[in-house]
Each structure stands twice: as C-alpha cells, then as structure tokens.
C-alpha cells in the first residue's frame, strides 16, 4: 500500500505508507514549531485516508517558512534532526510548482 499527496487529482508524491506516515508526523511537528498550517489535509478524496490534498498557496507559505527557519538556525542538533524533512518538503514544493 502507499499514500498519495495530490493537487487537484494530480499525484505529486506516492511514498509507501510507512514513509508517508513518518512524513505526516514530522509535518505536525513543524506546523507547531513554525506556528503555521502546512496545507496538507488527510482524506480529501472519497474519504480515503491514504490520499492527501495539498493546498498549493498554504503549502508554499509553509515550505518557505520552513526553509527560512532552517537557514536561520546554527544549532547542529536541530539541523541534523530537520535536514531530511526539510529536503523532502522542498522536493514536494518543487513538484507542486
């Protein structure tokens, strides 16, 4: 099984359920850290919990804020803990246009 991150029915990313769940849990952490919504909502298609609609404008703000936050910190542990998430979030933003 896998998850689908979509904009208007177009799949941006189709990770395995495990990778998708881990990414979503990290989304929640960074939503709280940045005090911003991510624009990623669960089950927007046909009640399917494995399909997530990405709201482009909201996600763009989230991704920009995440990158700015990441670039501002000089804390080596914070950088190490957030590097993979930030890279994945930016890749998803690029696919979203």
N, C-alpha and C. Protein backbone atom coordinates (compact mmCIF):
# COMPACT_ATOMS: atom_id res chain seq x y z
N UNK A 1 0.84 -1.18 0.00
CA UNK A 1 0.00 0.00 0.00
C UNK A 1 0.89 1.24 0.00
N UNK A 2 0.28 2.34 -0.40
CA UNK A 2 1.02 3.59 -0.42
C UNK A 2 0.07 4.76 -0.21
N UNK A 3 0.66 5.93 -0.05
CA UNK A 3 -0.11 7.16 0.14
C UNK A 3 0.04 8.02 -1.10
N UNK A 4 -0.89 8.95 -1.25
CA UNK A 4 -0.86 9.86 -2.38
C UNK A 4 -0.97 11.29 -1.87
N UNK A 5 -0.02 12.12 -2.24
CA UNK A 5 -0.06 13.56 -1.97
C UNK A 5 -0.41 14.21 -3.30
N UNK A 6 -1.56 14.90 -3.36
CA UNK A 6 -2.11 15.35 -4.65
C UNK A 6 -2.51 16.82 -4.63
N UNK A 7 -2.50 17.42 -5.82
CA UNK A 7 -3.11 18.72 -6.05
C UNK A 7 -4.11 18.53 -7.18
N UNK A 8 -5.36 18.83 -6.90
CA UNK A 8 -6.43 18.72 -7.89
C UNK A 8 -6.39 17.39 -8.65
N UNK A 9 -6.19 16.31 -7.93
CA UNK A 9 -6.21 14.99 -8.53
C UNK A 9 -4.90 14.55 -9.16
N UNK A 10 -3.91 15.43 -9.25
CA UNK A 10 -2.60 15.07 -9.81
C UNK A 10 -1.66 14.66 -8.68
N UNK A 11 -1.09 13.48 -8.78
CA UNK A 11 -0.21 12.97 -7.74
C UNK A 11 1.15 13.65 -7.81
N UNK A 12 1.55 14.23 -6.68
CA UNK A 12 2.87 14.85 -6.56
C UNK A 12 3.90 13.86 -6.04
N UNK A 13 3.43 13.01 -5.13
CA UNK A 13 4.33 12.07 -4.47
C UNK A 13 3.52 10.88 -4.03
N UNK A 14 4.10 9.69 -4.17
CA UNK A 14 3.42 8.45 -3.82
C UNK A 14 4.36 7.57 -2.99
N UNK A 15 4.62 7.97 -1.71
CA UNK A 15 5.51 7.16 -0.88
C UNK A 15 4.79 5.95 -0.31
N UNK A 16 5.58 5.04 0.23
CA UNK A 16 5.00 3.91 0.95
C UNK A 16 4.23 4.44 2.16
N UNK A 17 3.33 3.64 2.70
CA UNK A 17 2.57 4.07 3.88
C UNK A 17 3.47 4.44 5.04
N UNK A 18 4.52 3.66 5.26
CA UNK A 18 5.42 3.95 6.37
C UNK A 18 6.12 5.29 6.21
N UNK A 19 6.67 5.53 5.02
CA UNK A 19 7.35 6.81 4.76
C UNK A 19 6.35 7.96 4.80
N UNK A 20 5.17 7.76 4.26
CA UNK A 20 4.14 8.79 4.26
C UNK A 20 3.68 9.15 5.67
N UNK A 21 3.47 8.13 6.50
CA UNK A 21 3.06 8.38 7.89
C UNK A 21 4.15 9.13 8.66
N UNK A 22 5.40 8.74 8.46
CA UNK A 22 6.50 9.42 9.13
C UNK A 22 6.59 10.88 8.69
N UNK A 23 6.44 11.12 7.39
CA UNK A 23 6.46 12.49 6.88
C UNK A 23 5.32 13.30 7.51
N UNK A 24 4.12 12.73 7.57
CA UNK A 24 2.98 13.45 8.16
C UNK A 24 3.18 13.76 9.63
N UNK A 25 3.79 12.85 10.36
CA UNK A 25 4.07 13.13 11.77
C UNK A 25 5.08 14.27 11.90
N UNK A 26 6.04 14.30 11.00
CA UNK A 26 7.00 15.40 11.02
C UNK A 26 6.34 16.70 10.58
N UNK A 27 5.39 16.63 9.66
CA UNK A 27 4.63 17.82 9.27
C UNK A 27 3.99 18.43 10.51
N UNK A 28 3.37 17.60 11.34
CA UNK A 28 2.72 18.10 12.56
C UNK A 28 3.72 18.79 13.48
N UNK A 29 4.90 18.23 13.62
CA UNK A 29 5.94 18.82 14.47
C UNK A 29 6.31 20.20 13.94
N UNK A 30 6.52 20.31 12.63
CA UNK A 30 6.96 21.58 12.07
C UNK A 30 5.82 22.59 11.95
N UNK A 31 4.58 22.13 11.82
CA UNK A 31 3.45 23.06 11.91
C UNK A 31 3.46 23.73 13.27
N UNK A 32 3.69 22.96 14.31
CA UNK A 32 3.74 23.51 15.67
C UNK A 32 4.95 24.41 15.86
N UNK A 33 6.09 23.99 15.36
CA UNK A 33 7.32 24.78 15.51
C UNK A 33 7.23 26.12 14.79
N UNK A 34 6.66 26.11 13.58
CA UNK A 34 6.54 27.33 12.78
C UNK A 34 5.27 28.11 13.09
N UNK A 35 4.34 27.47 13.80
CA UNK A 35 3.03 28.05 14.09
C UNK A 35 2.29 28.41 12.79
N UNK A 36 2.35 27.47 11.85
CA UNK A 36 1.71 27.64 10.54
C UNK A 36 1.06 26.32 10.11
N UNK A 37 -0.05 26.39 9.40
CA UNK A 37 -0.60 25.17 8.81
C UNK A 37 0.26 24.77 7.61
N UNK A 38 0.28 23.49 7.31
CA UNK A 38 1.08 23.00 6.19
C UNK A 38 0.33 23.03 4.87
N UNK A 39 -0.99 22.99 4.93
CA UNK A 39 -1.76 22.89 3.69
C UNK A 39 -1.91 21.46 3.20
N UNK A 40 -1.51 20.51 4.03
CA UNK A 40 -1.67 19.09 3.69
C UNK A 40 -2.80 18.56 4.55
N UNK A 41 -3.88 18.08 3.90
CA UNK A 41 -5.04 17.59 4.64
C UNK A 41 -5.33 16.15 4.30
N UNK A 42 -5.71 15.41 5.28
CA UNK A 42 -5.95 13.98 5.08
C UNK A 42 -7.33 13.67 4.54
N UNK A 43 -7.40 12.67 3.67
CA UNK A 43 -8.66 12.10 3.24
C UNK A 43 -9.58 13.03 2.47
N UNK A 44 -9.06 13.91 1.66
CA UNK A 44 -9.90 14.85 0.92
C UNK A 44 -10.57 14.19 -0.28
N UNK A 45 -10.10 13.03 -0.71
CA UNK A 45 -10.69 12.33 -1.84
C UNK A 45 -11.48 11.13 -1.37
N UNK A 46 -12.74 11.12 -1.63
CA UNK A 46 -13.58 9.95 -1.43
C UNK A 46 -13.44 9.32 -0.05
N UNK A 47 -13.03 10.10 0.94
CA UNK A 47 -12.87 9.56 2.28
C UNK A 47 -11.68 8.63 2.44
N UNK A 48 -10.77 8.63 1.50
CA UNK A 48 -9.62 7.75 1.53
C UNK A 48 -8.53 8.34 2.42
N UNK A 49 -8.20 7.71 3.56
CA UNK A 49 -7.20 8.27 4.46
C UNK A 49 -5.78 8.24 3.90
N UNK A 50 -5.57 7.52 2.81
CA UNK A 50 -4.24 7.45 2.20
C UNK A 50 -4.05 8.45 1.08
N UNK A 51 -5.04 9.30 0.83
CA UNK A 51 -4.93 10.34 -0.18
C UNK A 51 -5.00 11.69 0.52
N UNK A 52 -4.00 12.50 0.29
CA UNK A 52 -3.90 13.79 0.96
C UNK A 52 -3.85 14.91 -0.07
N UNK A 53 -4.77 15.84 0.06
CA UNK A 53 -4.80 17.01 -0.82
C UNK A 53 -3.81 18.05 -0.29
N UNK A 54 -3.02 18.61 -1.19
CA UNK A 54 -2.08 19.67 -0.85
C UNK A 54 -2.66 20.97 -1.38
N UNK A 55 -2.86 21.94 -0.50
CA UNK A 55 -3.35 23.26 -0.90
C UNK A 55 -2.12 24.09 -1.27
N UNK A 56 -1.94 24.39 -2.56
CA UNK A 56 -0.68 24.98 -3.04
C UNK A 56 -0.24 26.25 -2.32
N UNK A 57 -1.11 27.23 -2.17
CA UNK A 57 -0.70 28.51 -1.57
C UNK A 57 -0.30 28.33 -0.10
N UNK A 58 -1.05 27.51 0.62
CA UNK A 58 -0.77 27.28 2.04
C UNK A 58 0.54 26.50 2.18
N UNK A 59 0.71 25.49 1.34
CA UNK A 59 1.94 24.69 1.40
C UNK A 59 3.15 25.53 1.01
N UNK A 60 2.99 26.41 0.04
CA UNK A 60 4.10 27.28 -0.37
C UNK A 60 4.57 28.14 0.80
N UNK A 61 3.62 28.72 1.54
CA UNK A 61 3.98 29.53 2.71
C UNK A 61 4.70 28.68 3.76
N UNK A 62 4.19 27.48 3.97
CA UNK A 62 4.79 26.57 4.94
C UNK A 62 6.22 26.22 4.52
N UNK A 63 6.41 25.84 3.26
CA UNK A 63 7.73 25.44 2.77
C UNK A 63 8.72 26.61 2.83
N UNK A 64 8.29 27.81 2.43
CA UNK A 64 9.17 28.98 2.51
C UNK A 64 9.57 29.27 3.96
N UNK A 65 8.61 29.21 4.86
CA UNK A 65 8.90 29.46 6.27
C UNK A 65 9.83 28.39 6.84
N UNK A 66 9.63 27.15 6.43
CA UNK A 66 10.49 26.06 6.88
C UNK A 66 11.93 26.30 6.43
N UNK A 67 12.13 26.66 5.18
CA UNK A 67 13.48 26.90 4.66
C UNK A 67 14.12 28.08 5.38
N UNK A 68 13.36 29.16 5.60
CA UNK A 68 13.90 30.33 6.30
C UNK A 68 14.29 29.95 7.73
N UNK A 69 13.43 29.19 8.40
CA UNK A 69 13.70 28.73 9.76
C UNK A 69 14.97 27.88 9.79
N UNK A 70 15.06 26.94 8.84
CA UNK A 70 16.22 26.04 8.75
C UNK A 70 17.51 26.83 8.52
N UNK A 71 17.45 27.82 7.64
CA UNK A 71 18.65 28.61 7.33
C UNK A 71 19.07 29.52 8.48
N UNK A 72 18.13 29.91 9.31
CA UNK A 72 18.45 30.80 10.45
C UNK A 72 19.13 30.08 11.59
N UNK A 73 18.84 28.80 11.76
CA UNK A 73 19.39 28.11 12.92
C UNK A 73 20.84 27.71 12.66
N UNK A 74 21.62 27.83 13.67
CA UNK A 74 23.00 27.38 13.58
C UNK A 74 23.24 26.21 14.51
N UNK A 75 22.17 25.71 15.09
CA UNK A 75 22.25 24.63 16.07
C UNK A 75 22.46 23.30 15.36
N UNK A 76 23.58 22.67 15.60
CA UNK A 76 23.93 21.46 14.85
C UNK A 76 22.94 20.31 15.06
N UNK A 77 22.40 20.16 16.26
CA UNK A 77 21.45 19.08 16.51
C UNK A 77 20.13 19.36 15.79
N UNK A 78 19.65 20.59 15.86
CA UNK A 78 18.42 20.96 15.16
C UNK A 78 18.58 20.75 13.65
N UNK A 79 19.73 21.16 13.13
CA UNK A 79 19.99 20.96 11.69
C UNK A 79 19.98 19.48 11.33
N UNK A 80 20.64 18.67 12.15
CA UNK A 80 20.69 17.23 11.87
C UNK A 80 19.31 16.59 11.94
N UNK A 81 18.51 17.00 12.93
CA UNK A 81 17.18 16.42 13.10
C UNK A 81 16.20 16.85 12.00
N UNK A 82 16.40 18.01 11.43
CA UNK A 82 15.42 18.54 10.48
C UNK A 82 15.86 18.48 9.02
N UNK A 83 17.08 18.13 8.75
CA UNK A 83 17.60 18.16 7.38
C UNK A 83 16.80 17.28 6.41
N UNK A 84 16.53 16.06 6.77
CA UNK A 84 15.80 15.15 5.88
C UNK A 84 14.38 15.61 5.61
N UNK A 85 13.72 16.08 6.67
CA UNK A 85 12.36 16.58 6.49
C UNK A 85 12.36 17.80 5.58
N UNK A 86 13.26 18.74 5.84
CA UNK A 86 13.31 19.96 5.03
C UNK A 86 13.58 19.62 3.56
N UNK A 87 14.48 18.71 3.30
CA UNK A 87 14.78 18.32 1.91
C UNK A 87 13.55 17.70 1.24
N UNK A 88 12.84 16.85 1.95
CA UNK A 88 11.65 16.22 1.39
C UNK A 88 10.54 17.25 1.16
N UNK A 89 10.37 18.16 2.11
CA UNK A 89 9.35 19.20 1.98
C UNK A 89 9.62 20.10 0.78
N UNK A 90 10.89 20.44 0.57
CA UNK A 90 11.27 21.28 -0.58
C UNK A 90 11.04 20.52 -1.89
N UNK A 91 11.39 19.24 -1.92
CA UNK A 91 11.16 18.45 -3.13
C UNK A 91 9.67 18.39 -3.46
N UNK A 92 8.83 18.23 -2.46
CA UNK A 92 7.38 18.21 -2.67
C UNK A 92 6.91 19.58 -3.17
N UNK A 93 7.47 20.65 -2.62
CA UNK A 93 7.11 22.01 -3.07
C UNK A 93 7.50 22.22 -4.53
N UNK A 94 8.64 21.73 -4.93
CA UNK A 94 9.07 21.87 -6.32
C UNK A 94 8.14 21.12 -7.27
N UNK A 95 7.72 19.94 -6.85
CA UNK A 95 6.78 19.18 -7.68
C UNK A 95 5.43 19.88 -7.77
N UNK A 96 5.08 20.60 -6.70
CA UNK A 96 3.80 21.31 -6.68
C UNK A 96 3.86 22.58 -7.52
N UNK A 97 5.08 22.99 -7.87
CA UNK A 97 5.24 24.18 -8.70
C UNK A 97 5.31 25.43 -7.87
